[in-house]
Amino acid sequence: QVQLVESGGGLVQPGGSLRLSCAASVSITFNPMAWYRQSPGEQREWVATITPYHRKNYADSVKGRFTISRDNDKKTVFLQMDSLKPEDTAVYYCNTDGAAWSWGQGTQVTVSS
């Protein structure tokens, strides 16, 4: 069973930055990978995708503020989050694009003054 371990979350003030990491237990080289997030009482939503060829897509709500990247050798996906807003508060998860693998525990991001 594939394991995904997200890390890097925390408490940050509005306008601040965080860098999330997601380490996979298997190769990600040929998979489009994505970040998702879930706020309390809300459905999990897609945030960003990076293809094996490093093509990137973002949800409109994060476009221009978040940057997704990947390191295939380290089997790791990253999410650089800048200009954070209170509405970015959520548990962040990574998975393949389409969520083919089991979900990890996620990492909590809280944006608050």
N, C-alpha and C. Protein backbone atom coordinates (compact mmCIF):
# COMPACT_ATOMS: atom_id res chain seq x y z
N GLN A 1 0.85 -1.19 0.00
CA GLN A 1 0.00 0.00 0.00
C GLN A 1 0.88 1.24 0.00
N VAL A 2 0.56 2.18 -0.87
CA VAL A 2 1.33 3.41 -0.97
C VAL A 2 1.10 4.25 0.28
N GLN A 3 2.17 4.81 0.79
CA GLN A 3 2.07 5.72 1.93
C GLN A 3 2.47 7.12 1.50
N LEU A 4 1.69 8.09 1.90
CA LEU A 4 1.95 9.50 1.64
C LEU A 4 2.07 10.20 2.99
N VAL A 5 3.15 10.95 3.16
CA VAL A 5 3.38 11.66 4.41
C VAL A 5 3.55 13.14 4.12
N GLU A 6 2.57 13.92 4.55
CA GLU A 6 2.61 15.36 4.36
C GLU A 6 3.22 16.03 5.59
N SER A 7 3.93 17.13 5.37
CA SER A 7 4.54 17.86 6.48
C SER A 7 4.71 19.32 6.08
N GLY A 8 5.05 20.15 7.07
CA GLY A 8 5.36 21.54 6.79
C GLY A 8 4.27 22.53 7.18
N GLY A 9 3.13 22.03 7.63
CA GLY A 9 2.05 22.92 8.02
C GLY A 9 2.36 23.64 9.32
N GLY A 10 1.47 24.55 9.69
CA GLY A 10 1.64 25.28 10.93
C GLY A 10 0.73 26.48 11.00
N LEU A 11 0.99 27.32 11.98
CA LEU A 11 0.23 28.56 12.17
C LEU A 11 1.02 29.71 11.58
N VAL A 12 0.38 30.50 10.75
CA VAL A 12 1.05 31.61 10.09
C VAL A 12 0.09 32.79 10.02
N GLN A 13 0.64 33.99 10.06
CA GLN A 13 -0.19 35.19 9.96
C GLN A 13 -0.59 35.44 8.51
N PRO A 14 -1.70 36.13 8.30
CA PRO A 14 -2.08 36.50 6.93
C PRO A 14 -0.94 37.22 6.23
N GLY A 15 -0.72 36.86 4.97
CA GLY A 15 0.39 37.41 4.22
C GLY A 15 1.67 36.61 4.32
N GLY A 16 1.68 35.64 5.20
CA GLY A 16 2.88 34.83 5.40
C GLY A 16 3.01 33.71 4.39
N SER A 17 4.04 32.88 4.60
CA SER A 17 4.36 31.79 3.68
C SER A 17 4.61 30.50 4.42
N LEU A 18 4.34 29.41 3.74
CA LEU A 18 4.68 28.08 4.22
C LEU A 18 5.07 27.23 3.02
N ARG A 19 5.90 26.23 3.28
CA ARG A 19 6.28 25.27 2.23
C ARG A 19 5.91 23.88 2.71
N LEU A 20 5.00 23.25 2.03
CA LEU A 20 4.56 21.91 2.38
C LEU A 20 5.35 20.88 1.57
N SER A 21 5.55 19.73 2.18
CA SER A 21 6.20 18.61 1.51
C SER A 21 5.32 17.38 1.61
N CYS A 22 5.44 16.52 0.63
CA CYS A 22 4.71 15.25 0.62
C CYS A 22 5.65 14.17 0.11
N ALA A 23 6.00 13.25 1.00
CA ALA A 23 6.90 12.16 0.63
C ALA A 23 6.09 10.90 0.36
N ALA A 24 6.35 10.28 -0.77
CA ALA A 24 5.67 9.04 -1.15
C ALA A 24 6.58 7.85 -0.91
N SER A 25 5.97 6.69 -0.65
CA SER A 25 6.76 5.48 -0.39
C SER A 25 7.10 4.74 -1.69
N VAL A 26 6.56 5.24 -2.81
CA VAL A 26 6.84 4.63 -4.11
C VAL A 26 7.23 5.71 -5.10
N SER A 27 7.72 5.30 -6.24
CA SER A 27 8.09 6.27 -7.26
C SER A 27 6.89 7.08 -7.71
N ILE A 28 7.14 8.38 -7.92
CA ILE A 28 6.08 9.26 -8.43
C ILE A 28 6.39 9.70 -9.86
N THR A 29 7.50 9.21 -10.40
CA THR A 29 8.05 9.73 -11.65
C THR A 29 7.02 9.83 -12.77
N PHE A 30 6.17 8.83 -12.89
CA PHE A 30 5.27 8.78 -14.04
C PHE A 30 3.84 9.18 -13.69
N ASN A 31 3.67 9.71 -12.48
CA ASN A 31 2.33 10.10 -12.05
C ASN A 31 2.15 11.61 -12.02
N PRO A 32 1.03 12.10 -12.54
CA PRO A 32 0.68 13.49 -12.23
C PRO A 32 0.31 13.53 -10.75
N MET A 33 0.86 14.49 -10.04
CA MET A 33 0.65 14.60 -8.60
C MET A 33 -0.11 15.88 -8.29
N ALA A 34 -0.85 15.85 -7.19
CA ALA A 34 -1.71 16.99 -6.86
C ALA A 34 -1.75 17.25 -5.36
N TRP A 35 -2.08 18.45 -5.02
CA TRP A 35 -2.38 18.85 -3.66
C TRP A 35 -3.88 19.11 -3.56
N TYR A 36 -4.44 18.74 -2.41
CA TYR A 36 -5.83 18.97 -2.10
C TYR A 36 -5.91 19.59 -0.71
N ARG A 37 -7.07 20.14 -0.36
CA ARG A 37 -7.24 20.64 1.00
C ARG A 37 -8.68 20.47 1.43
N GLN A 38 -8.86 20.41 2.74
CA GLN A 38 -10.19 20.24 3.30
C GLN A 38 -10.34 21.12 4.53
N SER A 39 -11.32 22.00 4.49
CA SER A 39 -11.63 22.85 5.62
C SER A 39 -12.73 22.19 6.44
N PRO A 40 -12.84 22.53 7.72
CA PRO A 40 -13.88 21.93 8.57
C PRO A 40 -15.27 22.11 7.97
N GLY A 41 -16.00 21.01 7.87
CA GLY A 41 -17.35 21.06 7.36
C GLY A 41 -17.47 21.18 5.85
N GLU A 42 -16.32 21.13 5.16
CA GLU A 42 -16.32 21.29 3.70
C GLU A 42 -15.83 20.02 3.03
N GLN A 43 -16.13 19.91 1.75
CA GLN A 43 -15.61 18.80 0.95
C GLN A 43 -14.14 19.05 0.67
N ARG A 44 -13.40 17.98 0.48
CA ARG A 44 -12.01 18.12 0.06
C ARG A 44 -11.99 18.72 -1.34
N GLU A 45 -11.11 19.69 -1.55
CA GLU A 45 -11.04 20.35 -2.85
C GLU A 45 -9.64 20.27 -3.43
N TRP A 46 -9.60 20.26 -4.73
CA TRP A 46 -8.33 20.24 -5.46
C TRP A 46 -7.69 21.61 -5.40
N VAL A 47 -6.35 21.63 -5.25
CA VAL A 47 -5.61 22.88 -5.16
C VAL A 47 -4.69 23.07 -6.37
N ALA A 48 -3.90 22.05 -6.69
CA ALA A 48 -2.92 22.20 -7.77
C ALA A 48 -2.47 20.82 -8.26
N THR A 49 -2.03 20.78 -9.50
CA THR A 49 -1.51 19.56 -10.12
C THR A 49 -0.21 19.85 -10.83
N ILE A 50 0.71 18.89 -10.80
CA ILE A 50 1.93 18.96 -11.60
C ILE A 50 2.07 17.64 -12.35
N THR A 51 2.23 17.72 -13.67
CA THR A 51 2.35 16.51 -14.48
C THR A 51 3.79 15.99 -14.45
N PRO A 52 4.01 14.78 -14.96
CA PRO A 52 5.37 14.27 -15.03
C PRO A 52 6.30 15.17 -15.85
N TYR A 53 5.73 15.98 -16.72
CA TYR A 53 6.52 16.89 -17.53
C TYR A 53 6.54 18.30 -16.94
N HIS A 54 6.12 18.39 -15.68
CA HIS A 54 6.19 19.64 -14.91
C HIS A 54 5.22 20.70 -15.41
N ARG A 55 4.19 20.31 -16.13
CA ARG A 55 3.12 21.25 -16.45
C ARG A 55 2.27 21.42 -15.20
N LYS A 56 1.89 22.66 -14.89
CA LYS A 56 1.22 22.94 -13.63
C LYS A 56 -0.14 23.58 -13.86
N ASN A 57 -1.09 23.21 -13.02
CA ASN A 57 -2.41 23.83 -13.02
C ASN A 57 -2.82 24.14 -11.60
N TYR A 58 -3.55 25.23 -11.44
CA TYR A 58 -3.94 25.69 -10.11
C TYR A 58 -5.42 26.03 -10.06
N ALA A 59 -6.00 25.83 -8.88
CA ALA A 59 -7.34 26.35 -8.64
C ALA A 59 -7.30 27.87 -8.69
N ASP A 60 -8.37 28.47 -9.15
CA ASP A 60 -8.40 29.93 -9.27
C ASP A 60 -8.12 30.61 -7.93
N SER A 61 -8.54 29.98 -6.85
CA SER A 61 -8.41 30.59 -5.53
C SER A 61 -6.96 30.72 -5.06
N VAL A 62 -6.05 29.95 -5.67
CA VAL A 62 -4.65 29.98 -5.23
C VAL A 62 -3.70 30.43 -6.33
N LYS A 63 -4.21 30.62 -7.53
CA LYS A 63 -3.37 30.98 -8.67
C LYS A 63 -2.62 32.28 -8.39
N GLY A 64 -1.32 32.26 -8.66
CA GLY A 64 -0.50 33.44 -8.42
C GLY A 64 0.07 33.52 -7.02
N ARG A 65 -0.41 32.66 -6.11
CA ARG A 65 0.09 32.66 -4.73
C ARG A 65 0.78 31.36 -4.35
N PHE A 66 0.33 30.26 -4.91
CA PHE A 66 0.88 28.93 -4.60
C PHE A 66 1.70 28.43 -5.79
N THR A 67 2.74 27.64 -5.49
CA THR A 67 3.56 27.03 -6.53
C THR A 67 3.80 25.57 -6.19
N ILE A 68 3.42 24.69 -7.09
CA ILE A 68 3.63 23.26 -6.91
C ILE A 68 4.91 22.85 -7.63
N SER A 69 5.65 21.93 -7.04
CA SER A 69 6.87 21.42 -7.66
C SER A 69 7.08 19.98 -7.24
N ARG A 70 8.05 19.33 -7.86
CA ARG A 70 8.29 17.92 -7.55
C ARG A 70 9.75 17.59 -7.67
N ASP A 71 10.17 16.60 -6.90
CA ASP A 71 11.52 16.05 -6.98
C ASP A 71 11.35 14.54 -7.10
N ASN A 72 11.43 14.04 -8.32
CA ASN A 72 11.16 12.61 -8.55
C ASN A 72 12.18 11.72 -7.85
N ASP A 73 13.43 12.16 -7.81
CA ASP A 73 14.46 11.34 -7.16
C ASP A 73 14.16 11.13 -5.68
N LYS A 74 13.59 12.17 -5.06
CA LYS A 74 13.26 12.08 -3.64
C LYS A 74 11.82 11.64 -3.41
N LYS A 75 11.09 11.36 -4.49
CA LYS A 75 9.70 10.92 -4.40
C LYS A 75 8.88 11.91 -3.58
N THR A 76 9.10 13.18 -3.82
CA THR A 76 8.50 14.23 -2.99
C THR A 76 7.85 15.30 -3.86
N VAL A 77 6.71 15.78 -3.40
CA VAL A 77 6.00 16.88 -4.03
C VAL A 77 5.95 18.02 -3.03
N PHE A 78 6.07 19.24 -3.53
CA PHE A 78 6.09 20.41 -2.67
C PHE A 78 4.96 21.36 -3.03
N LEU A 79 4.57 22.18 -2.05
CA LEU A 79 3.63 23.26 -2.31
C LEU A 79 4.13 24.49 -1.57
N GLN A 80 4.64 25.45 -2.33
CA GLN A 80 5.05 26.74 -1.76
C GLN A 80 3.83 27.63 -1.72
N MET A 81 3.49 28.09 -0.54
CA MET A 81 2.30 28.91 -0.36
C MET A 81 2.71 30.30 0.13
N ASP A 82 2.45 31.30 -0.66
CA ASP A 82 2.77 32.69 -0.32
C ASP A 82 1.49 33.51 -0.22
N SER A 83 1.61 34.67 0.38
CA SER A 83 0.46 35.58 0.52
C SER A 83 -0.76 34.85 1.08
N LEU A 84 -0.53 34.10 2.13
CA LEU A 84 -1.59 33.27 2.68
C LEU A 84 -2.73 34.11 3.24
N LYS A 85 -3.93 33.57 3.10
CA LYS A 85 -5.15 34.24 3.56
C LYS A 85 -5.85 33.34 4.59
N PRO A 86 -6.68 33.91 5.44
CA PRO A 86 -7.42 33.08 6.41
C PRO A 86 -8.22 31.97 5.73
N GLU A 87 -8.72 32.22 4.55
CA GLU A 87 -9.51 31.20 3.85
C GLU A 87 -8.67 30.05 3.32
N ASP A 88 -7.35 30.15 3.43
CA ASP A 88 -6.48 29.02 3.07
C ASP A 88 -6.36 28.01 4.22
N THR A 89 -6.92 28.35 5.37
CA THR A 89 -6.88 27.44 6.51
C THR A 89 -7.57 26.13 6.17
N ALA A 90 -6.85 25.02 6.35
CA ALA A 90 -7.36 23.71 5.97
C ALA A 90 -6.31 22.66 6.32
N VAL A 91 -6.72 21.40 6.21
CA VAL A 91 -5.76 20.30 6.21
C VAL A 91 -5.40 20.04 4.76
N TYR A 92 -4.10 20.00 4.49
CA TYR A 92 -3.61 19.84 3.12
C TYR A 92 -3.11 18.40 2.92
N TYR A 93 -3.49 17.85 1.80
CA TYR A 93 -3.13 16.48 1.44
C TYR A 93 -2.52 16.45 0.04
N CYS A 94 -1.67 15.46 -0.20
CA CYS A 94 -1.25 15.22 -1.57
C CYS A 94 -1.72 13.83 -1.99
N ASN A 95 -1.75 13.62 -3.30
CA ASN A 95 -2.15 12.34 -3.87
C ASN A 95 -1.85 12.43 -5.35
N THR A 96 -2.11 11.37 -6.07
CA THR A 96 -2.03 11.48 -7.52
C THR A 96 -3.17 12.37 -7.98
N ASP A 97 -3.05 12.91 -9.16
CA ASP A 97 -4.15 13.65 -9.75
C ASP A 97 -5.26 12.64 -10.06
N GLY A 98 -6.37 12.76 -9.38
CA GLY A 98 -7.41 11.74 -9.46
C GLY A 98 -7.50 10.90 -8.21
N ALA A 99 -6.55 11.14 -7.29
CA ALA A 99 -6.59 10.49 -5.97
C ALA A 99 -6.65 8.98 -6.04
N ALA A 100 -5.68 8.40 -6.73
CA ALA A 100 -5.67 6.95 -6.90
C ALA A 100 -5.11 6.20 -5.70
N TRP A 101 -4.36 6.90 -4.85
CA TRP A 101 -3.73 6.25 -3.72
C TRP A 101 -4.47 6.53 -2.43
N SER A 102 -4.14 5.79 -1.39
CA SER A 102 -4.74 6.04 -0.07
C SER A 102 -4.29 7.40 0.44
N TRP A 103 -5.16 8.07 1.14
CA TRP A 103 -4.82 9.38 1.67
C TRP A 103 -3.87 9.27 2.87
N GLY A 104 -2.98 10.24 2.97
CA GLY A 104 -2.14 10.35 4.15
C GLY A 104 -2.90 11.06 5.26
N GLN A 105 -2.16 11.43 6.30
CA GLN A 105 -2.80 12.09 7.44
C GLN A 105 -3.00 13.58 7.21
N GLY A 106 -2.33 14.12 6.21
CA GLY A 106 -2.44 15.55 5.93
C GLY A 106 -1.62 16.38 6.88
N THR A 107 -1.53 17.66 6.57
CA THR A 107 -0.81 18.61 7.42
C THR A 107 -1.69 19.85 7.58
N GLN A 108 -1.86 20.28 8.84
CA GLN A 108 -2.75 21.40 9.15
C GLN A 108 -2.08 22.73 8.85
N VAL A 109 -2.78 23.56 8.11
CA VAL A 109 -2.35 24.94 7.86
C VAL A 109 -3.40 25.86 8.45
N THR A 110 -2.96 26.74 9.33
CA THR A 110 -3.86 27.70 9.95
C THR A 110 -3.33 29.10 9.71
N VAL A 111 -4.15 29.93 9.07
CA VAL A 111 -3.76 31.30 8.77
C VAL A 111 -4.63 32.22 9.63
N SER A 112 -3.98 32.84 10.58
CA SER A 112 -4.71 33.66 11.54
C SER A 112 -3.79 34.67 12.19
N SER A 113 -4.35 35.82 12.52
CA SER A 113 -3.57 36.83 13.24
C SER A 113 -3.78 36.68 14.74
